[in-house]
């Protein structure tokens, strides 16, 4: 289970940073990866990309919103 969490976290962080979700090391070790780690990595990439999109959209909405009047 520990490897699955690492795979998820690594993919999430890479996707959140806007980088490719597959590093060179991942490509080289892919044939030896178990199914659960692969699923965790794919989920991390998906969730990280969704979080990055939400951050981008939130920043765009904040910059286009009219200033608050007191």
Protein backbone atom coordinates (compact mmCIF):
# COMPACT_ATOMS: atom_id res chain seq x y z
CA UNK A 1 0.00 0.00 0.00
CA UNK A 2 2.89 2.36 0.73
CA UNK A 3 4.02 2.25 -2.92
CA UNK A 4 0.51 3.13 -4.06
CA UNK A 5 0.45 6.26 -1.90
CA UNK A 6 3.85 7.30 -3.23
CA UNK A 7 2.75 6.74 -6.83
CA UNK A 8 -0.42 8.76 -6.25
CA UNK A 9 1.38 11.61 -4.48
CA UNK A 10 4.15 11.84 -7.06
CA UNK A 11 1.69 11.93 -9.96
CA UNK A 12 -0.54 14.43 -8.14
CA UNK A 13 2.37 16.80 -7.46
CA UNK A 14 3.66 16.57 -11.04
CA UNK A 15 0.21 17.26 -12.49
CA UNK A 16 -0.37 20.10 -10.05
CA UNK A 17 2.92 21.67 -11.17
CA UNK A 18 1.86 21.32 -14.82
CA UNK A 19 4.50 18.74 -15.66
CA UNK A 20 4.07 15.47 -17.50
CA UNK A 21 2.64 12.83 -15.21
CA UNK A 22 5.16 10.27 -16.48
CA UNK A 23 8.81 10.82 -15.64
CA UNK A 24 11.59 9.07 -17.54
CA UNK A 25 12.01 6.69 -14.61
CA UNK A 26 8.29 5.85 -14.72
CA UNK A 27 8.53 5.05 -18.42
CA UNK A 28 11.51 2.76 -17.84
CA UNK A 29 9.97 0.92 -14.87
CA UNK A 30 6.43 0.73 -16.28
CA UNK A 31 6.62 -2.97 -17.27
CA UNK A 32 7.40 -3.87 -13.65
CA UNK A 33 4.70 -1.72 -12.06
CA UNK A 34 1.81 -3.54 -10.41
CA UNK A 35 -1.79 -2.78 -11.31
CA UNK A 36 -2.61 -1.04 -8.02
CA UNK A 37 0.35 1.34 -8.29
CA UNK A 38 -0.59 2.08 -11.91
CA UNK A 39 -4.17 2.86 -10.89
CA UNK A 40 -2.93 5.06 -8.04
CA UNK A 41 -0.64 6.96 -10.40
CA UNK A 42 -3.45 7.49 -12.91
CA UNK A 43 -5.80 8.70 -10.15
CA UNK A 44 -3.12 11.07 -8.86
CA UNK A 45 -2.56 12.49 -12.33
CA UNK A 46 -6.30 12.98 -12.81
CA UNK A 47 -6.82 14.57 -9.39
CA UNK A 48 -3.75 16.79 -9.74
CA UNK A 49 -4.86 18.02 -13.16
CA UNK A 50 -8.34 18.74 -11.78
CA UNK A 51 -6.86 20.65 -8.82
CA UNK A 52 -4.63 22.68 -11.14
CA UNK A 53 -7.62 23.50 -13.36
CA UNK A 54 -9.63 24.58 -10.31
CA UNK A 55 -6.76 26.82 -9.16
CA UNK A 56 -6.46 28.36 -12.62
CA UNK A 57 -10.19 28.97 -12.90
CA UNK A 58 -10.33 30.37 -9.37
CA UNK A 59 -7.51 32.80 -10.12
CA UNK A 60 -9.19 33.86 -13.38
CA UNK A 61 -12.49 34.48 -11.62
CA UNK A 62 -10.80 36.44 -8.83
CA UNK A 63 -8.98 38.68 -11.31
CA UNK A 64 -12.12 39.35 -13.36
CA UNK A 65 -14.39 40.04 -10.39
CA UNK A 66 -15.24 43.68 -9.72
CA UNK A 67 -13.61 45.18 -6.63
CA UNK A 68 -15.61 44.95 -3.43
CA UNK A 69 -17.23 48.17 -2.32
CA UNK A 70 -17.42 49.01 1.35
